[in-house]
Amino acid sequence: MVEYDPREGELKVNDTTEEEIWKLKKALDILFSMLQRGNNLADIQRTANRLSKQVEYPFTFNVMEEEE
């Protein structure tokens, strides 16, 4: 997990746990199978949004924009 503390101005990086890795692999498996079956793009987007909440993966694109 990656956390940003604006007071310190540094990224804190923790190792990804096995459970987090398993959740990510399962989410990717669901999305790839939907793509292979040719599901509707709206259905894939809806599923991706639902999975992103379940996975709770930390996205750091906002942190990178602030640093530049």
N, C-alpha and C. Protein backbone atom coordinates (compact mmCIF):
# COMPACT_ATOMS: atom_id res chain seq x y z
N MET A 1 0.83 -1.17 0.00
CA MET A 1 0.00 0.00 0.00
C MET A 1 0.88 1.24 0.00
N VAL A 2 0.46 2.26 -0.71
CA VAL A 2 1.22 3.50 -0.79
C VAL A 2 0.40 4.61 -0.15
N GLU A 3 1.02 5.34 0.76
CA GLU A 3 0.35 6.46 1.41
C GLU A 3 1.20 7.71 1.23
N TYR A 4 0.52 8.84 1.13
CA TYR A 4 1.22 10.11 0.95
C TYR A 4 0.88 11.03 2.12
N ASP A 5 1.89 11.54 2.79
CA ASP A 5 1.70 12.48 3.88
C ASP A 5 2.21 13.83 3.41
N PRO A 6 1.30 14.80 3.19
CA PRO A 6 1.72 16.10 2.66
C PRO A 6 2.68 16.85 3.58
N ARG A 7 2.61 16.61 4.88
CA ARG A 7 3.50 17.31 5.81
C ARG A 7 4.95 16.83 5.66
N GLU A 8 5.11 15.54 5.43
CA GLU A 8 6.45 15.00 5.26
C GLU A 8 6.91 15.11 3.81
N GLY A 9 5.99 15.10 2.87
CA GLY A 9 6.32 15.21 1.46
C GLY A 9 6.95 13.96 0.87
N GLU A 10 6.74 12.82 1.52
CA GLU A 10 7.32 11.57 1.02
C GLU A 10 6.24 10.50 0.93
N LEU A 11 6.49 9.53 0.08
CA LEU A 11 5.60 8.38 -0.03
C LEU A 11 6.02 7.32 0.97
N LYS A 12 5.03 6.72 1.63
CA LYS A 12 5.29 5.60 2.52
C LYS A 12 4.80 4.35 1.82
N VAL A 13 5.67 3.38 1.63
CA VAL A 13 5.34 2.19 0.88
C VAL A 13 5.34 0.99 1.82
N ASN A 14 4.23 0.26 1.85
CA ASN A 14 4.13 -0.99 2.59
C ASN A 14 4.04 -2.12 1.59
N ASP A 15 4.51 -3.28 1.96
CA ASP A 15 4.43 -4.43 1.07
C ASP A 15 2.98 -4.84 0.86
N THR A 16 2.69 -5.33 -0.33
CA THR A 16 1.37 -5.83 -0.65
C THR A 16 1.20 -7.20 -0.01
N THR A 17 0.09 -7.40 0.67
CA THR A 17 -0.15 -8.67 1.33
C THR A 17 -0.61 -9.71 0.31
N GLU A 18 -0.55 -10.96 0.71
CA GLU A 18 -0.99 -12.04 -0.17
C GLU A 18 -2.49 -11.92 -0.48
N GLU A 19 -3.26 -11.45 0.50
CA GLU A 19 -4.70 -11.29 0.28
C GLU A 19 -4.98 -10.21 -0.76
N GLU A 20 -4.23 -9.10 -0.72
CA GLU A 20 -4.40 -8.04 -1.71
C GLU A 20 -4.02 -8.52 -3.10
N ILE A 21 -2.96 -9.30 -3.20
CA ILE A 21 -2.54 -9.84 -4.49
C ILE A 21 -3.60 -10.78 -5.03
N TRP A 22 -4.18 -11.62 -4.16
CA TRP A 22 -5.22 -12.55 -4.59
C TRP A 22 -6.44 -11.79 -5.10
N LYS A 23 -6.84 -10.71 -4.40
CA LYS A 23 -7.99 -9.91 -4.83
C LYS A 23 -7.73 -9.28 -6.20
N LEU A 24 -6.52 -8.78 -6.42
CA LEU A 24 -6.18 -8.17 -7.71
C LEU A 24 -6.22 -9.20 -8.84
N LYS A 25 -5.66 -10.38 -8.58
CA LYS A 25 -5.66 -11.43 -9.61
C LYS A 25 -7.07 -11.87 -9.95
N LYS A 26 -7.93 -11.99 -8.93
CA LYS A 26 -9.31 -12.40 -9.16
C LYS A 26 -10.06 -11.33 -9.97
N ALA A 27 -9.84 -10.05 -9.64
CA ALA A 27 -10.48 -8.96 -10.37
C ALA A 27 -10.04 -8.94 -11.83
N LEU A 28 -8.74 -9.11 -12.06
CA LEU A 28 -8.24 -9.13 -13.44
C LEU A 28 -8.78 -10.32 -14.20
N ASP A 29 -8.91 -11.46 -13.55
CA ASP A 29 -9.45 -12.65 -14.19
C ASP A 29 -10.89 -12.40 -14.64
N ILE A 30 -11.68 -11.76 -13.79
CA ILE A 30 -13.07 -11.45 -14.14
C ILE A 30 -13.12 -10.52 -15.34
N LEU A 31 -12.31 -9.46 -15.32
CA LEU A 31 -12.33 -8.49 -16.42
C LEU A 31 -11.82 -9.10 -17.73
N PHE A 32 -10.74 -9.90 -17.68
CA PHE A 32 -10.22 -10.52 -18.89
C PHE A 32 -11.22 -11.52 -19.48
N SER A 33 -11.91 -12.25 -18.62
CA SER A 33 -12.90 -13.21 -19.14
C SER A 33 -14.06 -12.47 -19.79
N MET A 34 -14.45 -11.32 -19.23
CA MET A 34 -15.51 -10.53 -19.85
C MET A 34 -15.07 -10.01 -21.22
N LEU A 35 -13.81 -9.58 -21.33
CA LEU A 35 -13.29 -9.11 -22.62
C LEU A 35 -13.25 -10.23 -23.65
N GLN A 36 -12.83 -11.42 -23.23
CA GLN A 36 -12.73 -12.55 -24.15
C GLN A 36 -14.11 -12.99 -24.64
N ARG A 37 -15.10 -12.90 -23.78
CA ARG A 37 -16.45 -13.30 -24.18
C ARG A 37 -17.11 -12.25 -25.05
N GLY A 38 -16.56 -11.04 -25.08
CA GLY A 38 -17.12 -9.98 -25.92
C GLY A 38 -18.29 -9.26 -25.27
N ASN A 39 -18.24 -9.13 -23.95
CA ASN A 39 -19.31 -8.42 -23.24
C ASN A 39 -19.36 -6.96 -23.66
N ASN A 40 -20.49 -6.35 -23.41
CA ASN A 40 -20.72 -4.95 -23.72
C ASN A 40 -19.76 -4.09 -22.90
N LEU A 41 -19.26 -3.00 -23.49
CA LEU A 41 -18.31 -2.13 -22.81
C LEU A 41 -18.91 -1.51 -21.55
N ALA A 42 -20.19 -1.17 -21.60
CA ALA A 42 -20.85 -0.59 -20.42
C ALA A 42 -20.87 -1.59 -19.26
N ASP A 43 -21.10 -2.87 -19.57
CA ASP A 43 -21.08 -3.90 -18.54
C ASP A 43 -19.69 -4.07 -17.95
N ILE A 44 -18.68 -4.00 -18.80
CA ILE A 44 -17.30 -4.15 -18.34
C ILE A 44 -16.93 -2.97 -17.44
N GLN A 45 -17.33 -1.75 -17.82
CA GLN A 45 -17.04 -0.58 -16.99
C GLN A 45 -17.75 -0.66 -15.65
N ARG A 46 -18.99 -1.09 -15.64
CA ARG A 46 -19.74 -1.23 -14.40
C ARG A 46 -19.07 -2.25 -13.48
N THR A 47 -18.65 -3.36 -14.05
CA THR A 47 -17.97 -4.39 -13.28
C THR A 47 -16.63 -3.89 -12.77
N ALA A 48 -15.89 -3.16 -13.60
CA ALA A 48 -14.60 -2.63 -13.18
C ALA A 48 -14.75 -1.65 -12.01
N ASN A 49 -15.78 -0.82 -12.04
CA ASN A 49 -16.04 0.10 -10.93
C ASN A 49 -16.37 -0.65 -9.65
N ARG A 50 -17.16 -1.69 -9.77
CA ARG A 50 -17.52 -2.49 -8.59
C ARG A 50 -16.29 -3.19 -8.03
N LEU A 51 -15.47 -3.74 -8.92
CA LEU A 51 -14.27 -4.45 -8.48
C LEU A 51 -13.25 -3.50 -7.85
N SER A 52 -13.15 -2.29 -8.36
CA SER A 52 -12.17 -1.35 -7.80
C SER A 52 -12.51 -1.00 -6.35
N LYS A 53 -13.79 -0.97 -6.02
CA LYS A 53 -14.18 -0.72 -4.63
C LYS A 53 -13.87 -1.92 -3.75
N GLN A 54 -14.03 -3.13 -4.29
CA GLN A 54 -13.75 -4.33 -3.51
C GLN A 54 -12.25 -4.51 -3.28
N VAL A 55 -11.47 -4.21 -4.30
CA VAL A 55 -10.01 -4.42 -4.23
C VAL A 55 -9.35 -3.37 -3.35
N GLU A 56 -9.87 -2.14 -3.37
CA GLU A 56 -9.32 -1.02 -2.61
C GLU A 56 -7.84 -0.81 -2.91
N TYR A 57 -7.50 -0.89 -4.18
CA TYR A 57 -6.11 -0.72 -4.59
C TYR A 57 -5.75 0.76 -4.57
N PRO A 58 -4.64 1.14 -3.97
CA PRO A 58 -4.29 2.57 -3.90
C PRO A 58 -3.74 3.08 -5.23
N PHE A 59 -4.43 4.02 -5.83
CA PHE A 59 -3.96 4.64 -7.05
C PHE A 59 -3.18 5.89 -6.69
N THR A 60 -2.00 6.07 -7.27
CA THR A 60 -1.12 7.16 -6.87
C THR A 60 -0.99 8.23 -7.94
N PHE A 61 -1.88 8.27 -8.94
CA PHE A 61 -1.73 9.26 -10.00
C PHE A 61 -1.90 10.68 -9.47
N ASN A 62 -2.73 10.89 -8.44
CA ASN A 62 -2.89 12.23 -7.86
C ASN A 62 -1.61 12.68 -7.17
N VAL A 63 -0.91 11.79 -6.53
CA VAL A 63 0.33 12.11 -5.85
C VAL A 63 1.40 12.52 -6.85
N MET A 64 1.47 11.82 -7.96
CA MET A 64 2.47 12.12 -8.98
C MET A 64 2.23 13.50 -9.59
N GLU A 65 0.97 13.89 -9.77
CA GLU A 65 0.67 15.21 -10.34
C GLU A 65 1.08 16.32 -9.38
N GLU A 66 0.90 16.10 -8.07
CA GLU A 66 1.25 17.11 -7.08
C GLU A 66 2.76 17.33 -7.02
N GLU A 67 3.55 16.29 -7.24
CA GLU A 67 5.00 16.38 -7.14
C GLU A 67 5.61 17.15 -8.29
N GLU A 68 4.98 17.11 -9.45
CA GLU A 68 5.55 17.74 -10.65
C GLU A 68 5.45 19.23 -10.66
